PDB file of N, CA and C in Angstrom:
ATOM      1  N   MET A   1       0.905  -1.294  -0.398  1.00  0.00           N
ATOM      2  CA  MET A   1      -0.180  -0.009   0.060  1.00  0.00           C
ATOM      3  C   MET A   1       0.655   1.073   0.096  1.00  0.00           C
ATOM      4  N   TRP A   2       0.478   2.140  -0.669  1.00  0.00           N
ATOM      5  CA  TRP A   2       1.378   3.490  -0.948  1.00  0.00           C
ATOM      6  C   TRP A   2       0.507   4.380  -0.633  1.00  0.00           C
ATOM      7  N   ASN A   3       0.522   5.146   0.380  1.00  0.00           N
ATOM      8  CA  ASN A   3      -0.273   6.505   0.898  1.00  0.00           C
ATOM      9  C   ASN A   3       0.318   7.452   0.494  1.00  0.00           C
ATOM     10  N   GLN A   4      -0.562   8.259  -0.467  1.00  0.00           N
ATOM     11  CA  GLN A   4       0.073   9.687  -0.571  1.00  0.00           C
ATOM     12  C   GLN A   4      -1.049  10.892  -0.102  1.00  0.00           C
ATOM     13  N   GLU A   5      -0.641  11.990  -0.199  1.00  0.00           N
ATOM     14  CA  GLU A   5      -1.336  13.228   0.051  1.00  0.00           C
ATOM     15  C   GLU A   5      -1.709  13.978  -1.066  1.00  0.00           C
ATOM     16  N   LEU A   6      -2.730  14.588  -1.276  1.00  0.00           N
ATOM     17  CA  LEU A   6      -3.084  15.418  -2.509  1.00  0.00           C
ATOM     18  C   LEU A   6      -2.773  16.571  -2.445  1.00  0.00           C
ATOM     19  N   THR A   7      -2.167  17.563  -3.267  1.00  0.00           N
ATOM     20  CA  THR A   7      -1.990  18.864  -3.272  1.00  0.00           C
ATOM     21  C   THR A   7      -3.054  19.657  -4.096  1.00  0.00           C
ATOM     22  N   ILE A   8      -3.543  18.937  -4.706  1.00  0.00           N
ATOM     23  CA  ILE A   8      -4.793  19.691  -5.363  1.00  0.00           C
ATOM     24  C   ILE A   8      -6.016  18.528  -5.123  1.00  0.00           C
ATOM     25  N   ALA A   9      -7.045  19.155  -5.666  1.00  0.00           N
ATOM     26  CA  ALA A   9      -8.646  18.335  -5.496  1.00  0.00           C
ATOM     27  C   ALA A   9      -8.410  17.405  -6.801  1.00  0.00           C
ATOM     28  N   PRO A  10      -8.960  16.163  -6.031  1.00  0.00           N
ATOM     29  CA  PRO A  10      -8.855  15.237  -7.460  1.00  0.00           C
ATOM     30  C   PRO A  10     -10.100  15.538  -8.460  1.00  0.00           C
ATOM     31  N   PRO A  11     -10.253  15.331  -9.685  1.00  0.00           N
ATOM     32  CA  PRO A  11     -11.477  15.628 -10.605  1.00  0.00           C
ATOM     33  C   PRO A  11     -12.488  14.821 -10.456  1.00  0.00           C
ATOM     34  N   THR A  12     -13.250  15.817 -10.765  1.00  0.00           N
ATOM     35  CA  THR A  12     -14.700  15.345 -10.341  1.00  0.00           C
ATOM     36  C   THR A  12     -15.411  14.230 -11.661  1.00  0.00           C
ATOM     37  N   THR A  13     -14.948  14.491 -12.713  1.00  0.00           N
ATOM     38  CA  THR A  13     -15.318  14.077 -14.159  1.00  0.00           C
ATOM     39  C   THR A  13     -13.741  13.574 -14.771  1.00  0.00           C
ATOM     40  N   ILE A  14     -14.252  12.906 -15.544  1.00  0.00           N
ATOM     41  CA  ILE A  14     -12.981  12.683 -16.980  1.00  0.00           C
ATOM     42  C   ILE A  14     -13.683  12.033 -18.135  1.00  0.00           C
ATOM     43  N   ASP A  15     -13.416  12.883 -19.428  1.00  0.00           N
ATOM     44  CA  ASP A  15     -13.314  12.788 -20.608  1.00  0.00           C
ATOM     45  C   ASP A  15     -13.006  11.122 -20.997  1.00  0.00           C
ATOM     46  N   LEU A  16     -13.649  10.030 -21.376  1.00  0.00           N
ATOM     47  CA  LEU A  16     -12.863   8.863 -21.876  1.00  0.00           C
ATOM     48  C   LEU A  16     -13.174   8.816 -23.202  1.00  0.00           C
ATOM     49  N   ALA A  17     -12.263   8.513 -24.003  1.00  0.00           N
ATOM     50  CA  ALA A  17     -12.340   8.433 -25.604  1.00  0.00           C
ATOM     51  C   ALA A  17     -12.780   7.209 -25.816  1.00  0.00           C
ATOM     52  N   ALA A  18     -13.026   6.952 -26.909  1.00  0.00           N
ATOM     53  CA  ALA A  18     -13.870   5.783 -27.770  1.00  0.00           C
ATOM     54  C   ALA A  18     -12.496   4.386 -27.320  1.00  0.00           C
ATOM     55  N   GLY A  19     -12.584   3.197 -27.137  1.00  0.00           N
ATOM     56  CA  GLY A  19     -11.628   2.374 -26.731  1.00  0.00           C
ATOM     57  C   GLY A  19     -11.390   2.275 -25.383  1.00  0.00           C
ATOM     58  N   TRP A  20      -9.753   2.025 -25.439  1.00  0.00           N
ATOM     59  CA  TRP A  20      -9.182   1.750 -23.993  1.00  0.00           C
ATOM     60  C   TRP A  20      -8.869   2.717 -23.250  1.00  0.00           C
ATOM     61  N   ASN A  21      -9.322   3.014 -21.965  1.00  0.00           N
ATOM     62  CA  ASN A  21      -8.619   3.821 -21.410  1.00  0.00           C
ATOM     63  C   ASN A  21      -8.149   3.488 -20.065  1.00  0.00           C
ATOM     64  N   SER A  22      -6.944   3.972 -19.630  1.00  0.00           N
ATOM     65  CA  SER A  22      -6.651   3.528 -18.282  1.00  0.00           C
ATOM     66  C   SER A  22      -6.942   4.968 -17.249  1.00  0.00           C
ATOM     67  N   VAL A  23      -7.566   4.633 -15.880  1.00  0.00           N
ATOM     68  CA  VAL A  23      -8.391   5.651 -15.457  1.00  0.00           C
ATOM     69  C   VAL A  23      -7.789   5.459 -13.647  1.00  0.00           C
ATOM     70  N   CYS A  24      -7.756   6.309 -12.961  1.00  0.00           N
ATOM     71  CA  CYS A  24      -7.320   6.479 -11.579  1.00  0.00           C
ATOM     72  C   CYS A  24      -8.570   7.001 -11.391  1.00  0.00           C
ATOM     73  N   TYR A  25      -9.574   5.887 -10.500  1.00  0.00           N
ATOM     74  CA  TYR A  25     -10.818   6.355 -10.143  1.00  0.00           C
ATOM     75  C   TYR A  25     -10.912   7.226  -9.017  1.00  0.00           C
ATOM     76  N   ALA A  26     -11.345   8.586  -8.947  1.00  0.00           N
ATOM     77  CA  ALA A  26     -11.291   9.484  -7.904  1.00  0.00           C
ATOM     78  C   ALA A  26     -12.616   9.752  -7.374  1.00  0.00           C
ATOM     79  N   GLY A  27     -13.719   8.732  -7.448  1.00  0.00           N
ATOM     80  CA  GLY A  27     -14.786   8.909  -6.686  1.00  0.00           C
ATOM     81  C   GLY A  27     -14.867   8.087  -5.641  1.00  0.00           C
ATOM     82  N   ASP A  28     -15.701   8.122  -4.655  1.00  0.00           N
ATOM     83  CA  ASP A  28     -15.786   7.624  -3.364  1.00  0.00           C
ATOM     84  C   ASP A  28     -15.852   6.072  -3.585  1.00  0.00           C
ATOM     85  N   SER A  29     -15.438   5.188  -2.631  1.00  0.00           N
ATOM     86  CA  SER A  29     -15.783   3.836  -3.078  1.00  0.00           C
ATOM     87  C   SER A  29     -17.256   3.605  -3.162  1.00  0.00           C
ATOM     88  N   HIS A  30     -17.670   2.792  -4.226  1.00  0.00           N
ATOM     89  CA  HIS A  30     -19.060   2.401  -4.230  1.00  0.00           C
ATOM     90  C   HIS A  30     -18.961   0.949  -5.201  1.00  0.00           C
ATOM     91  N   ASP A  31     -20.069   0.384  -5.084  1.00  0.00           N
ATOM     92  CA  ASP A  31     -19.966  -0.860  -5.822  1.00  0.00           C
ATOM     93  C   ASP A  31     -19.871  -0.405  -7.741  1.00  0.00           C
ATOM     94  N   VAL A  32     -19.425  -1.311  -8.475  1.00  0.00           N
ATOM     95  CA  VAL A  32     -18.982  -0.630  -9.597  1.00  0.00           C
ATOM     96  C   VAL A  32     -20.022  -0.232 -10.474  1.00  0.00           C
ATOM     97  N   SER A  33     -21.325  -0.479 -10.417  1.00  0.00           N
ATOM     98  CA  SER A  33     -22.486  -0.116 -11.171  1.00  0.00           C
ATOM     99  C   SER A  33     -22.823   1.336 -10.344  1.00  0.00           C
ATOM    100  N   ALA A  34     -22.465   1.494  -9.460  1.00  0.00           N
ATOM    101  CA  ALA A  34     -23.071   2.842  -9.108  1.00  0.00           C
ATOM    102  C   ALA A  34     -21.673   3.623  -9.351  1.00  0.00           C
ATOM    103  N   ALA A  35     -20.260   3.020  -9.131  1.00  0.00           N
ATOM    104  CA  ALA A  35     -19.381   3.868  -9.787  1.00  0.00           C
ATOM    105  C   ALA A  35     -19.280   4.601 -11.186  1.00  0.00           C
ATOM    106  N   VAL A  36     -19.671   3.563 -12.229  1.00  0.00           N
ATOM    107  CA  VAL A  36     -19.756   3.940 -13.490  1.00  0.00           C
ATOM    108  C   VAL A  36     -21.064   4.792 -13.837  1.00  0.00           C
ATOM    109  N   GLY A  37     -22.149   4.026 -13.243  1.00  0.00           N
ATOM    110  CA  GLY A  37     -23.361   5.268 -13.168  1.00  0.00           C
ATOM    111  C   GLY A  37     -24.108   5.797 -14.653  1.00  0.00           C
ATOM    112  N   ASP A  38     -23.914   6.604 -14.833  1.00  0.00           N
ATOM    113  CA  ASP A  38     -25.060   6.927 -16.539  1.00  0.00           C
ATOM    114  C   ASP A  38     -23.564   6.643 -17.768  1.00  0.00           C
ATOM    115  N   ALA A  39     -22.805   6.413 -17.327  1.00  0.00           N
ATOM    116  CA  ALA A  39     -21.317   6.179 -18.369  1.00  0.00           C
ATOM    117  C   ALA A  39     -21.670   4.452 -18.830  1.00  0.00           C
ATOM    118  N   ALA A  40     -22.341   3.632 -17.726  1.00  0.00           N
ATOM    119  CA  ALA A  40     -22.558   2.274 -18.000  1.00  0.00           C
ATOM    120  C   ALA A  40     -22.899   1.874 -19.509  1.00  0.00           C
ATOM    121  N   GLY A  41     -23.998   2.807 -20.074  1.00  0.00           N
ATOM    122  CA  GLY A  41     -24.238   2.353 -21.479  1.00  0.00           C
ATOM    123  C   GLY A  41     -23.316   2.581 -22.433  1.00  0.00           C
ATOM    124  N   ASP A  42     -22.534   3.134 -22.410  1.00  0.00           N
ATOM    125  CA  ASP A  42     -21.267   3.079 -22.798  1.00  0.00           C
ATOM    126  C   ASP A  42     -19.795   2.603 -22.927  1.00  0.00           C
ATOM    127  N   VAL A  43     -19.961   1.722 -21.865  1.00  0.00           N
ATOM    128  CA  VAL A  43     -19.004   1.051 -21.370  1.00  0.00           C
ATOM    129  C   VAL A  43     -19.218  -0.135 -21.604  1.00  0.00           C
ATOM    130  N   GLY A  44     -18.102  -1.089 -22.211  1.00  0.00           N
ATOM    131  CA  GLY A  44     -18.283  -2.527 -22.467  1.00  0.00           C
ATOM    132  C   GLY A  44     -17.738  -3.282 -21.160  1.00  0.00           C
ATOM    133  N   VAL A  45     -16.315  -2.927 -20.599  1.00  0.00           N
ATOM    134  CA  VAL A  45     -15.839  -3.572 -19.477  1.00  0.00           C
ATOM    135  C   VAL A  45     -15.206  -2.855 -18.805  1.00  0.00           C
ATOM    136  N   VAL A  46     -14.922  -3.148 -17.468  1.00  0.00           N
ATOM    137  CA  VAL A  46     -14.019  -2.225 -16.870  1.00  0.00           C
ATOM    138  C   VAL A  46     -13.273  -3.427 -16.033  1.00  0.00           C
ATOM    139  N   TYR A  47     -11.963  -3.323 -15.980  1.00  0.00           N
ATOM    140  CA  TYR A  47     -11.043  -4.244 -15.445  1.00  0.00           C
ATOM    141  C   TYR A  47     -10.522  -3.812 -14.085  1.00  0.00           C
ATOM    142  N   ALA A  48     -10.051  -4.315 -13.246  1.00  0.00           N
ATOM    143  CA  ALA A  48      -9.149  -3.318 -11.963  1.00  0.00           C
ATOM    144  C   ALA A  48      -8.188  -4.286 -11.076  1.00  0.00           C
ATOM    145  N   LEU A  49      -7.353  -4.047 -11.032  1.00  0.00           N
ATOM    146  CA  LEU A  49      -6.197  -5.314 -10.267  1.00  0.00           C
ATOM    147  C   LEU A  49      -6.286  -5.053  -8.611  1.00  0.00           C
ATOM    148  N   ALA A  50      -6.706  -6.162  -8.141  1.00  0.00           N
ATOM    149  CA  ALA A  50      -6.930  -5.867  -6.895  1.00  0.00           C
ATOM    150  C   ALA A  50      -5.496  -6.095  -6.007  1.00  0.00           C
ATOM    151  N   ALA A  51      -5.574  -6.079  -4.541  1.00  0.00           N
ATOM    152  CA  ALA A  51      -4.507  -6.278  -4.073  1.00  0.00           C
ATOM    153  C   ALA A  51      -3.695  -7.433  -3.759  1.00  0.00           C
ATOM    154  N   ASP A  52      -4.322  -8.590  -4.286  1.00  0.00           N
ATOM    155  CA  ASP A  52      -4.112  -9.906  -4.497  1.00  0.00           C
ATOM    156  C   ASP A  52      -3.414 -10.432  -5.565  1.00  0.00           C
ATOM    157  N   ARG A  53      -3.287  -9.027  -6.556  1.00  0.00           N
ATOM    158  CA  ARG A  53      -2.599  -9.096  -8.161  1.00  0.00           C
ATOM    159  C   ARG A  53      -3.789 -10.082  -9.037  1.00  0.00           C
ATOM    160  N   THR A  54      -4.925  -9.938  -8.843  1.00  0.00           N
ATOM    161  CA  THR A  54      -5.916 -10.908  -9.531  1.00  0.00           C
ATOM    162  C   THR A  54      -6.611  -9.886 -10.427  1.00  0.00           C
ATOM    163  N   TRP A  55      -6.896  -9.552 -11.477  1.00  0.00           N
ATOM    164  CA  TRP A  55      -8.015  -9.059 -12.198  1.00  0.00           C
ATOM    165  C   TRP A  55      -9.510  -9.460 -11.823  1.00  0.00           C
ATOM    166  N   GLY A  56     -10.247  -7.789 -11.910  1.00  0.00           N
ATOM    167  CA  GLY A  56     -11.591  -8.198 -11.822  1.00  0.00           C
ATOM    168  C   GLY A  56     -12.240  -7.342 -12.669  1.00  0.00           C
ATOM    169  N   ARG A  57     -13.257  -8.031 -12.992  1.00  0.00           N
ATOM    170  CA  ARG A  57     -14.081  -7.612 -14.335  1.00  0.00           C
ATOM    171  C   ARG A  57     -15.524  -7.356 -13.929  1.00  0.00           C
ATOM    172  N   PHE A  58     -15.536  -5.827 -14.758  1.00  0.00           N
ATOM    173  CA  PHE A  58     -17.323  -5.583 -14.540  1.00  0.00           C
ATOM    174  C   PHE A  58     -17.665  -5.457 -15.958  1.00  0.00           C
ATOM    175  N   VAL A  59     -19.159  -6.139 -16.080  1.00  0.00           N
ATOM    176  CA  VAL A  59     -19.599  -5.859 -17.713  1.00  0.00           C
ATOM    177  C   VAL A  59     -21.012  -5.354 -17.356  1.00  0.00           C
ATOM    178  N   PRO A  60     -21.336  -4.223 -17.758  1.00  0.00           N
ATOM    179  CA  PRO A  60     -22.693  -4.000 -17.305  1.00  0.00           C
ATOM    180  C   PRO A  60     -23.956  -4.484 -18.119  1.00  0.00           C
ATOM    181  N   ASN A  61     -24.540  -4.956 -17.123  1.00  0.00           N
ATOM    182  CA  ASN A  61     -25.671  -5.780 -17.457  1.00  0.00           C
ATOM    183  C   ASN A  61     -25.515  -7.083 -17.674  1.00  0.00           C
ATOM    184  N   ARG A  62     -24.425  -7.579 -17.375  1.00  0.00           N
ATOM    185  CA  ARG A  62     -23.990  -9.302 -17.611  1.00  0.00           C
ATOM    186  C   ARG A  62     -23.472  -9.668 -16.317  1.00  0.00           C
ATOM    187  N   PRO A  63     -24.087 -10.037 -15.290  1.00  0.00           N
ATOM    188  CA  PRO A  63     -23.328 -10.382 -14.127  1.00  0.00           C
ATOM    189  C   PRO A  63     -22.701 -11.462 -14.121  1.00  0.00           C
ATOM    190  N   GLU A  64     -23.219 -12.571 -14.977  1.00  0.00           N
ATOM    191  CA  GLU A  64     -22.548 -13.808 -15.353  1.00  0.00           C
ATOM    192  C   GLU A  64     -20.770 -13.932 -15.638  1.00  0.00           C
ATOM    193  N   LEU A  65     -20.649 -12.717 -16.188  1.00  0.00           N
ATOM    194  CA  LEU A  65     -19.335 -12.451 -16.585  1.00  0.00           C
ATOM    195  C   LEU A  65     -18.609 -11.292 -15.489  1.00  0.00           C
ATOM    196  N   THR A  66     -19.315 -10.869 -14.323  1.00  0.00           N
ATOM    197  CA  THR A  66     -18.727  -9.645 -13.615  1.00  0.00           C
ATOM    198  C   THR A  66     -18.176 -10.350 -12.338  1.00  0.00           C
ATOM    199  N   ASN A  67     -17.240 -10.260 -11.848  1.00  0.00           N
ATOM    200  CA  ASN A  67     -16.422 -10.635 -10.553  1.00  0.00           C
ATOM    201  C   ASN A  67     -15.880  -9.499  -9.724  1.00  0.00           C
ATOM    202  N   LEU A  68     -16.213  -8.327 -10.565  1.00  0.00           N
ATOM    203  CA  LEU A  68     -15.305  -6.809  -9.542  1.00  0.00           C
ATOM    204  C   LEU A  68     -16.873  -6.235  -8.914  1.00  0.00           C
ATOM    205  N   GLU A  69     -16.706  -6.221  -7.765  1.00  0.00           N
ATOM    206  CA  GLU A  69     -17.997  -5.716  -6.941  1.00  0.00           C
ATOM    207  C   GLU A  69     -17.555  -4.532  -6.805  1.00  0.00           C
ATOM    208  N   ARG A  70     -16.597  -3.910  -6.275  1.00  0.00           N
ATOM    209  CA  ARG A  70     -16.707  -2.355  -6.105  1.00  0.00           C
ATOM    210  C   ARG A  70     -15.426  -1.462  -6.343  1.00  0.00           C
ATOM    211  N   LEU A  71     -15.393  -0.513  -6.904  1.00  0.00           N
ATOM    212  CA  LEU A  71     -14.129   0.391  -6.880  1.00  0.00           C
ATOM    213  C   LEU A  71     -13.760   1.617  -5.865  1.00  0.00           C
ATOM    214  N   ASP A  72     -12.678   1.440  -5.125  1.00  0.00           N
ATOM    215  CA  ASP A  72     -12.465   2.382  -4.191  1.00  0.00           C
ATOM    216  C   ASP A  72     -11.509   3.426  -4.811  1.00  0.00           C
ATOM    217  N   HIS A  73     -11.605   4.306  -3.722  1.00  0.00           N
ATOM    218  CA  HIS A  73     -10.970   5.431  -3.978  1.00  0.00           C
ATOM    219  C   HIS A  73      -9.276   5.533  -4.667  1.00  0.00           C
ATOM    220  N   PHE A  74      -9.217   5.942  -5.684  1.00  0.00           N
ATOM    221  CA  PHE A  74      -7.743   5.551  -6.439  1.00  0.00           C
ATOM    222  C   PHE A  74      -7.660   4.216  -6.959  1.00  0.00           C
ATOM    223  N   ASN A  75      -8.510   3.797  -7.228  1.00  0.00           N
ATOM    224  CA  ASN A  75      -8.148   2.313  -7.964  1.00  0.00           C
ATOM    225  C   ASN A  75      -8.084   2.770  -9.253  1.00  0.00           C
ATOM    226  N   CYS A  76      -6.847   2.168  -9.649  1.00  0.00           N
ATOM    227  CA  CYS A  76      -6.707   2.133 -11.273  1.00  0.00           C
ATOM    228  C   CYS A  76      -7.544   1.206 -11.870  1.00  0.00           C
ATOM    229  N   ALA A  77      -8.151   1.492 -12.835  1.00  0.00           N
ATOM    230  CA  ALA A  77      -8.864   0.614 -14.198  1.00  0.00           C
ATOM    231  C   ALA A  77      -8.393   0.698 -14.969  1.00  0.00           C
ATOM    232  N   LEU A  78      -8.999  -0.090 -15.821  1.00  0.00           N
ATOM    233  CA  LEU A  78      -8.836  -0.206 -17.132  1.00  0.00           C
ATOM    234  C   LEU A  78     -10.490   0.041 -18.020  1.00  0.00           C
ATOM    235  N   ILE A  79     -10.887   0.860 -18.691  1.00  0.00           N
ATOM    236  CA  ILE A  79     -11.999   0.688 -19.172  1.00  0.00           C
ATOM    237  C   ILE A  79     -12.230   0.647 -20.796  1.00  0.00           C
ATOM    238  N   LEU A  80     -12.857  -0.144 -21.385  1.00  0.00           N
ATOM    239  CA  LEU A  80     -13.155  -0.297 -22.438  1.00  0.00           C
ATOM    240  C   LEU A  80     -14.364   0.826 -22.979  1.00  0.00           C
ATOM    241  N   VAL A  81     -14.596   1.716 -23.659  1.00  0.00           N
ATOM    242  CA  VAL A  81     -15.720   2.661 -23.882  1.00  0.00           C
ATOM    243  C   VAL A  81     -16.249   2.125 -25.423  1.00  0.00           C
ATOM    244  N   THR A  82     -17.082   2.195 -25.279  1.00  0.00           N
ATOM    245  CA  THR A  82     -17.982   1.408 -26.937  1.00  0.00           C
ATOM    246  C   THR A  82     -18.263   2.377 -27.929  1.00  0.00           C
ATOM    247  N   ALA A  83     -18.737   3.489 -27.125  1.00  0.00           N
ATOM    248  CA  ALA A  83     -19.511   4.661 -27.738  1.00  0.00           C
ATOM    249  C   ALA A  83     -18.287   5.094 -28.599  1.00  0.00           C
ATOM    250  N   ASP A  84     -18.583   5.644 -29.861  1.00  0.00           N
ATOM    251  CA  ASP A  84     -17.967   6.115 -30.925  1.00  0.00           C
ATOM    252  C   ASP A  84     -17.216   7.700 -30.564  1.00  0.00           C
ATOM    253  N   ARG A  85     -18.137   8.306 -29.722  1.00  0.00           N
ATOM    254  CA  ARG A  85     -18.048   9.709 -29.578  1.00  0.00           C
ATOM    255  C   ARG A  85     -17.477  10.038 -28.176  1.00  0.00           C
ATOM    256  N   GLY A  86     -16.730   8.523 -27.269  1.00  0.00           N
ATOM    257  CA  GLY A  86     -16.420   8.583 -26.109  1.00  0.00           C
ATOM    258  C   GLY A  86     -17.785   8.621 -24.924  1.00  0.00           C
ATOM    259  N   VAL A  87     -17.140   9.215 -23.799  1.00  0.00           N
ATOM    260  CA  VAL A  87     -18.019   9.200 -23.051  1.00  0.00           C
ATOM    261  C   VAL A  87     -17.389   9.965 -21.389  1.00  0.00           C
ATOM    262  N   LYS A  88     -18.355  11.142 -20.610  1.00  0.00           N
ATOM    263  CA  LYS A  88     -17.876  11.608 -19.646  1.00  0.00           C
ATOM    264  C   LYS A  88     -18.319  10.663 -18.634  1.00  0.00           C
ATOM    265  N   TRP A  89     -17.348  10.612 -17.517  1.00  0.00           N
ATOM    266  CA  TRP A  89     -17.522   9.446 -16.476  1.00  0.00           C
ATOM    267  C   TRP A  89     -17.279  10.740 -15.324  1.00  0.00           C
ATOM    268  N   VAL A  90     -18.850  10.813 -14.667  1.00  0.00           N
ATOM    269  CA  VAL A  90     -18.816  11.657 -13.667  1.00  0.00           C
ATOM    270  C   VAL A  90     -18.681  10.870 -12.165  1.00  0.00           C
ATOM    271  N   PHE A  91     -17.451  11.362 -10.995  1.00  0.00           N
ATOM    272  CA  PHE A  91     -16.993  10.597 -10.020  1.00  0.00           C
ATOM    273  C   PHE A  91     -18.038  11.160  -8.901  1.00  0.00           C
ATOM    274  N   ASP A  92     -18.603  10.331  -8.106  1.00  0.00           N
ATOM    275  CA  ASP A  92     -19.417  10.843  -7.286  1.00  0.00           C
ATOM    276  C   ASP A  92     -18.614  11.056  -6.100  1.00  0.00           C
ATOM    277  N   VAL A  93     -18.068  12.248  -5.869  1.00  0.00           N
ATOM    278  CA  VAL A  93     -17.338  12.517  -4.851  1.00  0.00           C
ATOM    279  C   VAL A  93     -17.887  13.735  -3.859  1.00  0.00           C
TER     280      VAL A  93
END
């Protein structure tokens, strides 16, 4: 675990491009569906690396493929955006 103090406020939104995006999740800890929120319709999959070095996967509306239950503040995630125009991800902070 690497604890850091921020010198600036974390962002409350981020623009994600179509395709793969690497994101440091700046919202409060939530279950993944709540953390993804309104962007879920434009997201194909979210991967996050757990502390035990295994990958968790969240696929909107596909619980049989999902094994990632929550995103915690400052988790790093790989996100596949399926919308050609990209999407704005609003963090609940």
